Amino acid sequence: MFTGLVEEMGVVRGFDREAKSARLSVLARTVLEDLSIGDSITVNGVCLTVTGTTDEEFRADVSLETLTVTNLGSLNVGDAVNLERAMQVNSRLGGHLVSGHIDGVGRIRDRRQEDEALLLSIEIPKELLRYCVKKGSIAVDGISLTINQVTDKEIQVAIIPHTAKATTLGLKGIGSEVNLECDLIGKYVERLLHEPGSEGAPQKIDRDYLRRRGLL
């Protein structure tokens, strides 16, 4: 699990494409501390497994599925990427619970400055809109953000100066693709609400339902 608080921006050193996979190497500094083979790390919000490390980089394999459903497939050598190591149980949870499993790819449709904040309007897949609520959480390229507004096809988020400087969102312009991971709790709640009841109708969440599952 992750928090959506990016630790640093790394730089793609190598991206070797094969028929059904790719090998990625990323120059970094902070995330290399205590990083070992087999550890999990997010690259632009995508959870990858570390396959090798040196004093200045780490390596990871990227599957065809990941290349297809995220923006990692469009990476080039020299690109900046957001990096976060897996959270520690004894650490503060400053963002929100992020799994590193991308739900879809969005596209920045508007970018404008308002006082010190950078406002981004992001068009997202229609099937993900049901998980987006005003003041709710979403991870954009691995960054934990609060949704300011929701329309029938877009969300708006505000980027503070620190986040714009410390992550790739400060570099991305209109038309750029971003990885999206919707709020994990919202997806579980939806699954519970759509669990069939005794007559095939959507499950009613009442005291009896909670009691049968040991929640009361």
N, C-alpha and C. Protein backbone atom coordinates (compact mmCIF):
# COMPACT_ATOMS: atom_id res chain seq x y z
N MET A 1 0.84 -1.20 0.00
CA MET A 1 0.00 0.00 0.00
C MET A 1 0.88 1.25 0.00
N PHE A 2 0.28 2.35 -0.49
CA PHE A 2 1.00 3.61 -0.59
C PHE A 2 0.10 4.73 -0.07
N THR A 3 0.65 5.94 0.02
CA THR A 3 -0.11 7.06 0.56
C THR A 3 -0.44 8.12 -0.48
N GLY A 4 0.20 8.08 -1.63
CA GLY A 4 0.00 9.12 -2.62
C GLY A 4 0.82 10.37 -2.36
N LEU A 5 1.77 10.28 -1.42
CA LEU A 5 2.70 11.38 -1.16
C LEU A 5 4.01 11.07 -1.87
N VAL A 6 4.26 11.72 -2.97
CA VAL A 6 5.45 11.44 -3.79
C VAL A 6 6.71 11.82 -3.03
N GLU A 7 7.69 10.91 -3.01
CA GLU A 7 8.93 11.16 -2.28
C GLU A 7 9.94 11.93 -3.10
N GLU A 8 9.95 11.69 -4.39
CA GLU A 8 10.85 12.43 -5.28
C GLU A 8 10.48 12.16 -6.73
N MET A 9 11.02 12.99 -7.60
CA MET A 9 10.92 12.73 -9.03
C MET A 9 12.20 12.05 -9.48
N GLY A 10 12.03 10.93 -10.16
CA GLY A 10 13.17 10.25 -10.76
C GLY A 10 13.21 10.57 -12.25
N VAL A 11 14.23 10.06 -12.91
CA VAL A 11 14.40 10.28 -14.34
C VAL A 11 14.61 8.93 -15.02
N VAL A 12 13.85 8.69 -16.08
CA VAL A 12 13.97 7.43 -16.82
C VAL A 12 15.35 7.36 -17.47
N ARG A 13 16.12 6.33 -17.06
CA ARG A 13 17.45 6.15 -17.64
C ARG A 13 17.42 5.17 -18.80
N GLY A 14 16.55 4.20 -18.70
CA GLY A 14 16.44 3.21 -19.76
C GLY A 14 15.03 2.67 -19.83
N PHE A 15 14.55 2.41 -21.04
CA PHE A 15 13.23 1.84 -21.23
C PHE A 15 13.29 0.93 -22.44
N ASP A 16 13.54 -0.34 -22.19
CA ASP A 16 13.76 -1.30 -23.26
C ASP A 16 12.48 -2.09 -23.51
N ARG A 17 11.87 -1.84 -24.66
CA ARG A 17 10.63 -2.52 -25.02
C ARG A 17 10.92 -3.86 -25.66
N GLU A 18 10.13 -4.86 -25.28
CA GLU A 18 10.15 -6.16 -25.91
C GLU A 18 8.76 -6.43 -26.46
N ALA A 19 8.54 -7.61 -26.97
CA ALA A 19 7.26 -7.91 -27.61
C ALA A 19 6.08 -7.77 -26.65
N LYS A 20 6.22 -8.28 -25.43
CA LYS A 20 5.10 -8.27 -24.50
C LYS A 20 5.47 -7.73 -23.12
N SER A 21 6.55 -6.96 -23.04
CA SER A 21 6.96 -6.41 -21.75
C SER A 21 7.98 -5.31 -21.99
N ALA A 22 8.49 -4.77 -20.90
CA ALA A 22 9.54 -3.76 -21.00
C ALA A 22 10.38 -3.81 -19.74
N ARG A 23 11.61 -3.35 -19.85
CA ARG A 23 12.50 -3.22 -18.70
C ARG A 23 12.76 -1.74 -18.48
N LEU A 24 12.45 -1.29 -17.27
CA LEU A 24 12.56 0.12 -16.93
C LEU A 24 13.66 0.33 -15.91
N SER A 25 14.50 1.34 -16.13
CA SER A 25 15.49 1.73 -15.13
C SER A 25 15.32 3.22 -14.87
N VAL A 26 15.38 3.60 -13.58
CA VAL A 26 15.07 4.97 -13.16
C VAL A 26 16.18 5.49 -12.26
N LEU A 27 16.72 6.64 -12.61
CA LEU A 27 17.68 7.32 -11.75
C LEU A 27 16.93 7.94 -10.59
N ALA A 28 17.45 7.75 -9.38
CA ALA A 28 16.78 8.27 -8.19
C ALA A 28 17.81 8.45 -7.07
N ARG A 29 17.34 8.98 -5.95
CA ARG A 29 18.22 9.15 -4.80
C ARG A 29 17.51 8.74 -3.51
N THR A 30 16.46 9.48 -3.15
CA THR A 30 15.78 9.25 -1.87
C THR A 30 15.21 7.85 -1.76
N VAL A 31 14.51 7.39 -2.81
CA VAL A 31 13.82 6.10 -2.71
C VAL A 31 14.79 4.92 -2.71
N LEU A 32 16.05 5.15 -3.05
CA LEU A 32 17.02 4.06 -3.05
C LEU A 32 17.44 3.65 -1.64
N GLU A 33 17.19 4.51 -0.66
CA GLU A 33 17.55 4.20 0.72
C GLU A 33 16.74 2.98 1.19
N ASP A 34 17.41 1.94 1.61
CA ASP A 34 16.78 0.71 2.11
C ASP A 34 15.93 0.00 1.07
N LEU A 35 16.11 0.32 -0.21
CA LEU A 35 15.35 -0.34 -1.26
C LEU A 35 16.04 -1.64 -1.65
N SER A 36 15.28 -2.72 -1.70
CA SER A 36 15.84 -4.03 -1.98
C SER A 36 15.09 -4.69 -3.13
N ILE A 37 15.72 -5.68 -3.74
CA ILE A 37 15.07 -6.47 -4.77
C ILE A 37 13.81 -7.13 -4.19
N GLY A 38 12.71 -7.02 -4.90
CA GLY A 38 11.45 -7.57 -4.42
C GLY A 38 10.54 -6.55 -3.77
N ASP A 39 11.09 -5.37 -3.44
CA ASP A 39 10.27 -4.32 -2.84
C ASP A 39 9.31 -3.73 -3.86
N SER A 40 8.22 -3.15 -3.35
CA SER A 40 7.25 -2.47 -4.21
C SER A 40 7.55 -0.97 -4.25
N ILE A 41 7.34 -0.39 -5.41
CA ILE A 41 7.54 1.05 -5.58
C ILE A 41 6.57 1.51 -6.65
N THR A 42 6.04 2.72 -6.50
CA THR A 42 5.15 3.24 -7.54
C THR A 42 5.92 4.19 -8.44
N VAL A 43 5.67 4.04 -9.74
CA VAL A 43 6.21 4.92 -10.77
C VAL A 43 5.01 5.54 -11.47
N ASN A 44 4.83 6.85 -11.29
CA ASN A 44 3.62 7.52 -11.77
C ASN A 44 2.35 6.83 -11.27
N GLY A 45 2.41 6.36 -10.03
CA GLY A 45 1.25 5.72 -9.42
C GLY A 45 1.08 4.26 -9.71
N VAL A 46 1.95 3.68 -10.54
CA VAL A 46 1.85 2.26 -10.91
C VAL A 46 2.76 1.44 -10.00
N CYS A 47 2.20 0.47 -9.30
CA CYS A 47 2.99 -0.38 -8.42
C CYS A 47 3.83 -1.36 -9.23
N LEU A 48 5.15 -1.27 -9.06
CA LEU A 48 6.08 -2.17 -9.73
C LEU A 48 6.95 -2.87 -8.70
N THR A 49 7.54 -3.99 -9.08
CA THR A 49 8.44 -4.73 -8.21
C THR A 49 9.88 -4.47 -8.63
N VAL A 50 10.69 -4.10 -7.66
CA VAL A 50 12.10 -3.81 -7.93
C VAL A 50 12.83 -5.10 -8.27
N THR A 51 13.53 -5.11 -9.41
CA THR A 51 14.28 -6.30 -9.83
C THR A 51 15.79 -6.11 -9.72
N GLY A 52 16.22 -4.89 -9.45
CA GLY A 52 17.66 -4.64 -9.30
C GLY A 52 17.90 -3.21 -8.86
N THR A 53 19.02 -2.99 -8.18
CA THR A 53 19.37 -1.64 -7.73
C THR A 53 20.87 -1.43 -7.86
N THR A 54 21.25 -0.16 -8.01
CA THR A 54 22.64 0.26 -7.90
C THR A 54 22.65 1.48 -6.98
N ASP A 55 23.78 2.14 -6.88
CA ASP A 55 23.86 3.33 -6.04
C ASP A 55 23.09 4.51 -6.60
N GLU A 56 22.69 4.43 -7.88
CA GLU A 56 22.03 5.58 -8.48
C GLU A 56 20.75 5.26 -9.24
N GLU A 57 20.34 4.00 -9.28
CA GLU A 57 19.13 3.67 -10.02
C GLU A 57 18.49 2.40 -9.49
N PHE A 58 17.24 2.19 -9.88
CA PHE A 58 16.58 0.90 -9.65
C PHE A 58 15.98 0.44 -10.97
N ARG A 59 15.74 -0.86 -11.07
CA ARG A 59 15.18 -1.45 -12.28
C ARG A 59 13.89 -2.20 -11.95
N ALA A 60 12.99 -2.26 -12.92
CA ALA A 60 11.73 -2.98 -12.74
C ALA A 60 11.25 -3.47 -14.09
N ASP A 61 10.55 -4.60 -14.09
CA ASP A 61 9.93 -5.11 -15.31
C ASP A 61 8.50 -4.57 -15.38
N VAL A 62 8.05 -4.29 -16.59
CA VAL A 62 6.69 -3.77 -16.82
C VAL A 62 5.97 -4.72 -17.75
N SER A 63 4.82 -5.24 -17.29
CA SER A 63 4.09 -6.22 -18.09
C SER A 63 3.33 -5.56 -19.23
N LEU A 64 2.89 -6.37 -20.17
CA LEU A 64 2.11 -5.87 -21.30
C LEU A 64 0.81 -5.23 -20.82
N GLU A 65 0.17 -5.83 -19.83
CA GLU A 65 -1.07 -5.26 -19.29
C GLU A 65 -0.83 -3.86 -18.76
N THR A 66 0.26 -3.69 -18.00
CA THR A 66 0.57 -2.37 -17.45
C THR A 66 0.89 -1.36 -18.54
N LEU A 67 1.61 -1.80 -19.56
CA LEU A 67 1.93 -0.91 -20.68
C LEU A 67 0.66 -0.48 -21.42
N THR A 68 -0.35 -1.36 -21.41
CA THR A 68 -1.57 -1.09 -22.15
C THR A 68 -2.53 -0.16 -21.41
N VAL A 69 -2.66 -0.34 -20.09
CA VAL A 69 -3.70 0.38 -19.34
C VAL A 69 -3.18 1.57 -18.56
N THR A 70 -1.89 1.89 -18.64
CA THR A 70 -1.34 3.05 -17.95
C THR A 70 -0.55 3.90 -18.95
N ASN A 71 -0.02 5.03 -18.45
CA ASN A 71 0.78 5.88 -19.34
C ASN A 71 2.26 5.49 -19.34
N LEU A 72 2.62 4.40 -18.69
CA LEU A 72 4.02 3.99 -18.69
C LEU A 72 4.48 3.58 -20.09
N GLY A 73 3.55 3.13 -20.91
CA GLY A 73 3.90 2.71 -22.26
C GLY A 73 4.41 3.84 -23.13
N SER A 74 4.15 5.08 -22.74
CA SER A 74 4.59 6.23 -23.54
C SER A 74 5.84 6.89 -22.98
N LEU A 75 6.47 6.26 -21.98
CA LEU A 75 7.69 6.84 -21.39
C LEU A 75 8.84 6.83 -22.39
N ASN A 76 9.70 7.84 -22.24
CA ASN A 76 10.92 7.93 -23.02
C ASN A 76 12.09 8.21 -22.08
N VAL A 77 13.28 7.86 -22.52
CA VAL A 77 14.48 8.15 -21.74
C VAL A 77 14.55 9.67 -21.50
N GLY A 78 14.80 10.03 -20.26
CA GLY A 78 14.88 11.44 -19.89
C GLY A 78 13.61 11.98 -19.27
N ASP A 79 12.50 11.23 -19.36
CA ASP A 79 11.24 11.68 -18.75
C ASP A 79 11.32 11.65 -17.23
N ALA A 80 10.67 12.61 -16.59
CA ALA A 80 10.55 12.62 -15.14
C ALA A 80 9.38 11.75 -14.72
N VAL A 81 9.50 11.05 -13.60
CA VAL A 81 8.44 10.19 -13.08
C VAL A 81 8.32 10.38 -11.57
N ASN A 82 7.10 10.23 -11.07
CA ASN A 82 6.85 10.33 -9.63
C ASN A 82 7.16 8.99 -8.97
N LEU A 83 7.83 9.05 -7.82
CA LEU A 83 8.25 7.82 -7.14
C LEU A 83 7.79 7.82 -5.67
N GLU A 84 7.33 6.68 -5.22
CA GLU A 84 7.00 6.49 -3.80
C GLU A 84 7.23 5.04 -3.41
N ARG A 85 7.95 4.85 -2.31
CA ARG A 85 8.11 3.50 -1.76
C ARG A 85 6.85 3.11 -1.00
N ALA A 86 6.68 1.80 -0.78
CA ALA A 86 5.53 1.31 -0.02
C ALA A 86 5.55 1.92 1.37
N MET A 87 4.34 2.21 1.90
CA MET A 87 4.23 2.85 3.21
C MET A 87 4.65 1.89 4.31
N GLN A 88 5.12 2.47 5.41
CA GLN A 88 5.44 1.68 6.60
C GLN A 88 4.26 1.76 7.56
N VAL A 89 3.98 0.66 8.25
CA VAL A 89 2.81 0.59 9.12
C VAL A 89 2.89 1.63 10.25
N ASN A 90 4.09 1.96 10.69
CA ASN A 90 4.25 2.89 11.81
C ASN A 90 4.39 4.34 11.37
N SER A 91 4.10 4.62 10.09
CA SER A 91 4.22 5.99 9.58
C SER A 91 2.87 6.69 9.58
N ARG A 92 2.90 8.03 9.57
CA ARG A 92 1.67 8.80 9.43
C ARG A 92 1.11 8.63 8.02
N LEU A 93 -0.20 8.53 7.93
CA LEU A 93 -0.86 8.42 6.63
C LEU A 93 -1.31 9.82 6.22
N GLY A 94 -0.41 10.53 5.52
CA GLY A 94 -0.68 11.92 5.19
C GLY A 94 -1.56 12.11 3.98
N GLY A 95 -1.64 11.11 3.09
CA GLY A 95 -2.47 11.23 1.89
C GLY A 95 -3.74 10.42 2.07
N HIS A 96 -3.91 9.36 1.26
CA HIS A 96 -5.00 8.41 1.46
C HIS A 96 -4.50 7.05 0.99
N LEU A 97 -5.27 6.01 1.25
CA LEU A 97 -4.85 4.66 0.90
C LEU A 97 -4.82 4.50 -0.62
N VAL A 98 -3.64 4.18 -1.14
CA VAL A 98 -3.43 4.01 -2.57
C VAL A 98 -2.82 2.64 -2.81
N SER A 99 -3.40 1.86 -3.73
CA SER A 99 -2.94 0.49 -3.96
C SER A 99 -1.85 0.41 -5.03
N GLY A 100 -1.79 1.40 -5.92
CA GLY A 100 -0.86 1.33 -7.04
C GLY A 100 -1.40 0.55 -8.22
N HIS A 101 -2.70 0.24 -8.18
CA HIS A 101 -3.36 -0.47 -9.28
C HIS A 101 -4.23 0.54 -10.02
N ILE A 102 -3.84 0.89 -11.22
CA ILE A 102 -4.46 1.97 -11.97
C ILE A 102 -5.83 1.57 -12.52
N ASP A 103 -6.82 2.47 -12.34
CA ASP A 103 -8.17 2.21 -12.84
C ASP A 103 -8.36 2.68 -14.27
N GLY A 104 -7.58 3.65 -14.70
CA GLY A 104 -7.73 4.17 -16.05
C GLY A 104 -6.80 5.33 -16.29
N VAL A 105 -6.82 5.83 -17.50
CA VAL A 105 -5.96 6.95 -17.89
C VAL A 105 -6.83 8.15 -18.24
N GLY A 106 -6.51 9.30 -17.67
CA GLY A 106 -7.21 10.54 -17.98
C GLY A 106 -6.36 11.46 -18.83
N ARG A 107 -6.94 12.58 -19.21
CA ARG A 107 -6.21 13.54 -20.05
C ARG A 107 -6.47 14.96 -19.54
N ILE A 108 -5.41 15.73 -19.37
CA ILE A 108 -5.53 17.11 -18.91
C ILE A 108 -6.16 17.95 -20.03
N ARG A 109 -7.31 18.57 -19.73
CA ARG A 109 -8.03 19.36 -20.72
C ARG A 109 -7.90 20.86 -20.49
N ASP A 110 -7.57 21.26 -19.27
CA ASP A 110 -7.39 22.68 -19.00
C ASP A 110 -6.37 22.83 -17.87
N ARG A 111 -5.59 23.91 -17.97
CA ARG A 111 -4.55 24.18 -16.98
C ARG A 111 -4.48 25.69 -16.83
N ARG A 112 -4.74 26.16 -15.62
CA ARG A 112 -4.69 27.60 -15.40
C ARG A 112 -4.28 27.92 -13.97
N GLN A 113 -3.67 29.06 -13.82
CA GLN A 113 -3.21 29.51 -12.52
C GLN A 113 -4.29 30.36 -11.86
N GLU A 114 -4.54 30.11 -10.60
CA GLU A 114 -5.48 30.90 -9.81
C GLU A 114 -4.82 31.22 -8.48
N ASP A 115 -4.37 32.48 -8.34
CA ASP A 115 -3.54 32.87 -7.20
C ASP A 115 -2.31 31.95 -7.18
N GLU A 116 -2.07 31.25 -6.08
CA GLU A 116 -0.88 30.40 -6.01
C GLU A 116 -1.16 28.98 -6.48
N ALA A 117 -2.42 28.64 -6.66
CA ALA A 117 -2.78 27.26 -7.02
C ALA A 117 -2.80 27.07 -8.54
N LEU A 118 -2.41 25.89 -8.96
CA LEU A 118 -2.52 25.47 -10.36
C LEU A 118 -3.76 24.60 -10.47
N LEU A 119 -4.75 25.03 -11.26
CA LEU A 119 -5.98 24.28 -11.41
C LEU A 119 -5.91 23.42 -12.67
N LEU A 120 -6.15 22.13 -12.50
CA LEU A 120 -6.14 21.20 -13.62
C LEU A 120 -7.53 20.59 -13.79
N SER A 121 -8.05 20.63 -15.01
CA SER A 121 -9.27 19.92 -15.33
C SER A 121 -8.88 18.66 -16.09
N ILE A 122 -9.31 17.52 -15.59
CA ILE A 122 -8.89 16.24 -16.15
C ILE A 122 -10.11 15.46 -16.64
N GLU A 123 -10.11 15.14 -17.92
CA GLU A 123 -11.16 14.29 -18.48
C GLU A 123 -10.86 12.85 -18.10
N ILE A 124 -11.85 12.17 -17.55
CA ILE A 124 -11.61 10.81 -17.09
C ILE A 124 -12.63 9.87 -17.73
N PRO A 125 -12.31 8.58 -17.81
CA PRO A 125 -13.25 7.62 -18.38
C PRO A 125 -14.60 7.66 -17.66
N LYS A 126 -15.67 7.54 -18.43
CA LYS A 126 -17.02 7.65 -17.88
C LYS A 126 -17.27 6.67 -16.75
N GLU A 127 -16.71 5.47 -16.87
CA GLU A 127 -16.97 4.44 -15.85
C GLU A 127 -16.31 4.76 -14.50
N LEU A 128 -15.41 5.72 -14.49
CA LEU A 128 -14.75 6.09 -13.23
C LEU A 128 -15.42 7.26 -12.53
N LEU A 129 -16.30 7.97 -13.23
CA LEU A 129 -16.93 9.15 -12.65
C LEU A 129 -17.75 8.82 -11.40
N ARG A 130 -18.30 7.61 -11.34
CA ARG A 130 -19.15 7.27 -10.20
C ARG A 130 -18.36 7.19 -8.89
N TYR A 131 -17.03 7.08 -9.00
CA TYR A 131 -16.20 7.05 -7.79
C TYR A 131 -15.71 8.44 -7.38
N CYS A 132 -16.04 9.46 -8.17
CA CYS A 132 -15.52 10.81 -7.93
C CYS A 132 -16.58 11.66 -7.26
N VAL A 133 -16.27 12.21 -6.10
CA VAL A 133 -17.18 13.09 -5.38
C VAL A 133 -16.41 14.34 -4.95
N LYS A 134 -17.12 15.44 -4.89
CA LYS A 134 -16.50 16.68 -4.45
C LYS A 134 -15.93 16.51 -3.05
N LYS A 135 -14.70 16.94 -2.87
CA LYS A 135 -13.94 16.82 -1.62
C LYS A 135 -13.45 15.39 -1.37
N GLY A 136 -13.68 14.50 -2.34
CA GLY A 136 -13.17 13.14 -2.21
C GLY A 136 -11.73 13.05 -2.69
N SER A 137 -11.15 11.87 -2.55
CA SER A 137 -9.74 11.66 -2.90
C SER A 137 -9.59 10.91 -4.21
N ILE A 138 -8.50 11.21 -4.92
CA ILE A 138 -8.13 10.49 -6.12
C ILE A 138 -6.61 10.59 -6.26
N ALA A 139 -6.00 9.54 -6.81
CA ALA A 139 -4.56 9.57 -7.07
C ALA A 139 -4.35 9.83 -8.56
N VAL A 140 -3.60 10.89 -8.88
CA VAL A 140 -3.30 11.27 -10.26
C VAL A 140 -1.80 11.14 -10.46
N ASP A 141 -1.40 10.20 -11.31
CA ASP A 141 0.03 9.87 -11.48
C ASP A 141 0.69 9.60 -10.13
N GLY A 142 -0.08 8.94 -9.24
CA GLY A 142 0.46 8.56 -7.94
C GLY A 142 0.40 9.63 -6.88
N ILE A 143 -0.22 10.78 -7.18
CA ILE A 143 -0.27 11.90 -6.24
C ILE A 143 -1.65 11.95 -5.60
N SER A 144 -1.71 11.93 -4.29
CA SER A 144 -2.98 12.02 -3.57
C SER A 144 -3.51 13.45 -3.68
N LEU A 145 -4.71 13.58 -4.28
CA LEU A 145 -5.30 14.90 -4.48
C LEU A 145 -6.76 14.91 -4.04
N THR A 146 -7.25 16.10 -3.72
CA THR A 146 -8.65 16.29 -3.37
C THR A 146 -9.39 16.85 -4.58
N ILE A 147 -10.53 16.26 -4.88
CA ILE A 147 -11.34 16.71 -6.01
C ILE A 147 -12.10 17.97 -5.63
N ASN A 148 -11.92 19.03 -6.43
CA ASN A 148 -12.63 20.29 -6.17
C ASN A 148 -14.01 20.32 -6.81
N GLN A 149 -14.09 19.85 -8.06
CA GLN A 149 -15.34 19.89 -8.80
C GLN A 149 -15.47 18.61 -9.63
N VAL A 150 -16.72 18.22 -9.89
CA VAL A 150 -17.01 17.07 -10.75
C VAL A 150 -18.07 17.48 -11.76
N THR A 151 -17.82 17.23 -13.05
CA THR A 151 -18.83 17.46 -14.08
C THR A 151 -19.21 16.11 -14.68
N ASP A 152 -19.91 16.13 -15.81
CA ASP A 152 -20.34 14.87 -16.41
C ASP A 152 -19.22 14.17 -17.16
N LYS A 153 -18.03 14.80 -17.24
CA LYS A 153 -16.92 14.14 -17.92
C LYS A 153 -15.55 14.50 -17.36
N GLU A 154 -15.49 15.44 -16.42
CA GLU A 154 -14.21 15.90 -15.91
C GLU A 154 -14.23 16.07 -14.40
N ILE A 155 -13.02 16.10 -13.85
CA ILE A 155 -12.84 16.52 -12.46
C ILE A 155 -11.85 17.67 -12.47
N GLN A 156 -11.90 18.49 -11.43
CA GLN A 156 -10.93 19.57 -11.27
C GLN A 156 -10.19 19.38 -9.96
N VAL A 157 -8.88 19.53 -10.01
CA VAL A 157 -8.05 19.43 -8.81
C VAL A 157 -7.17 20.68 -8.74
N ALA A 158 -6.81 21.06 -7.52
CA ALA A 158 -5.94 22.22 -7.31
C ALA A 158 -4.57 21.73 -6.84
N ILE A 159 -3.54 22.21 -7.49
CA ILE A 159 -2.17 21.80 -7.18
C ILE A 159 -1.47 22.95 -6.46
N ILE A 160 -1.05 22.71 -5.22
CA ILE A 160 -0.35 23.76 -4.49
C ILE A 160 1.07 23.89 -5.03
N PRO A 161 1.75 25.03 -4.78
CA PRO A 161 3.09 25.24 -5.35
C PRO A 161 4.08 24.13 -5.02
N HIS A 162 4.05 23.60 -3.80
CA HIS A 162 4.99 22.54 -3.43
C HIS A 162 4.79 21.31 -4.31
N THR A 163 3.52 20.90 -4.52
CA THR A 163 3.23 19.73 -5.33
C THR A 163 3.61 19.97 -6.79
N ALA A 164 3.35 21.18 -7.29
CA ALA A 164 3.72 21.50 -8.67
C ALA A 164 5.23 21.42 -8.87
N LYS A 165 5.99 21.80 -7.84
CA LYS A 165 7.44 21.80 -7.95
C LYS A 165 8.03 20.41 -7.74
N ALA A 166 7.40 19.62 -6.88
CA ALA A 166 7.98 18.33 -6.48
C ALA A 166 7.49 17.14 -7.28
N THR A 167 6.52 17.34 -8.17
CA THR A 167 5.97 16.22 -8.95
C THR A 167 5.86 16.60 -10.42
N THR A 168 5.51 15.62 -11.22
CA THR A 168 5.42 15.84 -12.67
C THR A 168 4.22 16.67 -13.07
N LEU A 169 3.25 16.87 -12.18
CA LEU A 169 2.08 17.66 -12.56
C LEU A 169 2.44 19.10 -12.86
N GLY A 170 3.54 19.58 -12.29
CA GLY A 170 4.00 20.92 -12.61
C GLY A 170 4.58 21.03 -14.01
N LEU A 171 4.89 19.87 -14.61
CA LEU A 171 5.51 19.85 -15.93
C LEU A 171 4.53 19.51 -17.04
N LYS A 172 3.41 18.91 -16.71
CA LYS A 172 2.49 18.41 -17.73
C LYS A 172 1.55 19.51 -18.22
N GLY A 173 1.34 19.51 -19.53
CA GLY A 173 0.49 20.51 -20.15
C GLY A 173 -0.81 19.92 -20.64
N ILE A 174 -1.60 20.76 -21.31
CA ILE A 174 -2.89 20.33 -21.85
C ILE A 174 -2.66 19.21 -22.87
N GLY A 175 -3.44 18.15 -22.74
CA GLY A 175 -3.32 17.00 -23.63
C GLY A 175 -2.51 15.86 -23.04
N SER A 176 -1.80 16.13 -21.94
CA SER A 176 -0.98 15.08 -21.31
C SER A 176 -1.86 14.02 -20.66
N GLU A 177 -1.41 12.76 -20.74
CA GLU A 177 -2.12 11.66 -20.10
C GLU A 177 -1.65 11.49 -18.67
N VAL A 178 -2.58 11.11 -17.79
CA VAL A 178 -2.25 10.87 -16.39
C VAL A 178 -2.91 9.58 -15.93
N ASN A 179 -2.22 8.84 -15.07
CA ASN A 179 -2.77 7.63 -14.49
C ASN A 179 -3.74 8.00 -13.37
N LEU A 180 -4.85 7.27 -13.30
CA LEU A 180 -5.87 7.54 -12.30
C LEU A 180 -6.13 6.31 -11.45
N GLU A 181 -6.16 6.51 -10.14
CA GLU A 181 -6.62 5.47 -9.22
C GLU A 181 -7.67 6.08 -8.31
N CYS A 182 -8.88 5.57 -8.41
CA CYS A 182 -9.98 6.10 -7.62
C CYS A 182 -9.90 5.61 -6.17
N ASP A 183 -10.67 6.27 -5.32
CA ASP A 183 -10.64 5.96 -3.89
C ASP A 183 -10.98 4.49 -3.64
N LEU A 184 -10.10 3.80 -2.94
CA LEU A 184 -10.24 2.37 -2.69
C LEU A 184 -11.49 2.06 -1.88
N ILE A 185 -11.78 2.89 -0.88
CA ILE A 185 -12.93 2.64 -0.02
C ILE A 185 -14.22 2.75 -0.82
N GLY A 186 -14.28 3.73 -1.73
CA GLY A 186 -15.47 3.90 -2.54
C GLY A 186 -15.77 2.67 -3.39
N LYS A 187 -14.72 2.02 -3.90
CA LYS A 187 -14.92 0.84 -4.73
C LYS A 187 -15.45 -0.34 -3.91
N TYR A 188 -14.97 -0.47 -2.66
CA TYR A 188 -15.48 -1.53 -1.80
C TYR A 188 -16.93 -1.28 -1.41
N VAL A 189 -17.27 -0.02 -1.13
CA VAL A 189 -18.65 0.32 -0.79
C VAL A 189 -19.58 0.00 -1.95
N GLU A 190 -19.16 0.34 -3.18
CA GLU A 190 -19.98 0.03 -4.35
C GLU A 190 -20.20 -1.48 -4.47
N ARG A 191 -19.16 -2.25 -4.22
CA ARG A 191 -19.28 -3.71 -4.32
C ARG A 191 -20.28 -4.24 -3.30
N LEU A 192 -20.27 -3.70 -2.09
CA LEU A 192 -21.21 -4.13 -1.07
C LEU A 192 -22.64 -3.76 -1.45
N LEU A 193 -22.82 -2.55 -1.97
CA LEU A 193 -24.16 -2.09 -2.32
C LEU A 193 -24.76 -2.88 -3.48
N HIS A 194 -23.93 -3.42 -4.35
CA HIS A 194 -24.43 -4.15 -5.51
C HIS A 194 -24.40 -5.66 -5.31
N GLU A 195 -24.10 -6.09 -4.09
CA GLU A 195 -24.18 -7.52 -3.81
C GLU A 195 -25.64 -7.94 -3.85
N PRO A 196 -26.00 -8.97 -4.63
CA PRO A 196 -27.41 -9.34 -4.77
C PRO A 196 -28.02 -9.75 -3.43
N GLY A 197 -29.25 -9.32 -3.20
CA GLY A 197 -29.99 -9.73 -2.03
C GLY A 197 -30.67 -11.06 -2.26
N SER A 198 -31.59 -11.41 -1.37
CA SER A 198 -32.23 -12.71 -1.44
C SER A 198 -33.11 -12.86 -2.68
N GLU A 199 -33.60 -11.75 -3.25
CA GLU A 199 -34.46 -11.82 -4.42
C GLU A 199 -33.76 -11.30 -5.67
N GLY A 200 -32.44 -11.21 -5.62
CA GLY A 200 -31.69 -10.77 -6.78
C GLY A 200 -31.58 -9.26 -6.91
N ALA A 201 -32.26 -8.53 -6.03
CA ALA A 201 -32.19 -7.07 -6.06
C ALA A 201 -30.90 -6.61 -5.38
N PRO A 202 -30.50 -5.35 -5.59
CA PRO A 202 -29.31 -4.84 -4.89
C PRO A 202 -29.43 -5.02 -3.39
N GLN A 203 -28.33 -5.39 -2.76
CA GLN A 203 -28.33 -5.68 -1.34
C GLN A 203 -28.67 -4.44 -0.51
N LYS A 204 -29.58 -4.59 0.40
CA LYS A 204 -29.93 -3.52 1.32
C LYS A 204 -28.98 -3.56 2.52
N ILE A 205 -28.32 -2.44 2.78
CA ILE A 205 -27.40 -2.37 3.92
C ILE A 205 -28.19 -1.91 5.13
N ASP A 206 -28.54 -2.83 6.02
CA ASP A 206 -29.27 -2.49 7.24
C ASP A 206 -28.61 -3.17 8.43
N ARG A 207 -29.21 -3.07 9.60
CA ARG A 207 -28.61 -3.64 10.81
C ARG A 207 -28.47 -5.15 10.70
N ASP A 208 -29.46 -5.80 10.07
CA ASP A 208 -29.38 -7.25 9.92
C ASP A 208 -28.20 -7.65 9.04
N TYR A 209 -27.99 -6.90 7.93
CA TYR A 209 -26.84 -7.17 7.03
C TYR A 209 -25.53 -7.03 7.79
N LEU A 210 -25.40 -5.96 8.55
CA LEU A 210 -24.17 -5.72 9.32
C LEU A 210 -23.98 -6.77 10.41
N ARG A 211 -25.07 -7.18 11.05
CA ARG A 211 -24.98 -8.16 12.13
C ARG A 211 -24.52 -9.51 11.60
N ARG A 212 -25.03 -9.91 10.43
CA ARG A 212 -24.68 -11.20 9.84
C ARG A 212 -23.20 -11.26 9.45
N ARG A 213 -22.60 -10.12 9.25
CA ARG A 213 -21.18 -10.06 8.89
C ARG A 213 -20.29 -9.68 10.05
N GLY A 214 -20.85 -9.72 11.25
CA GLY A 214 -20.06 -9.48 12.45
C GLY A 214 -19.63 -8.03 12.65
N LEU A 215 -20.37 -7.11 12.01
CA LEU A 215 -20.00 -5.70 12.11
C LEU A 215 -20.78 -4.97 13.20
N LEU A 216 -21.71 -5.66 13.86
CA LEU A 216 -22.46 -5.10 14.99
C LEU A 216 -22.42 -6.05 16.16
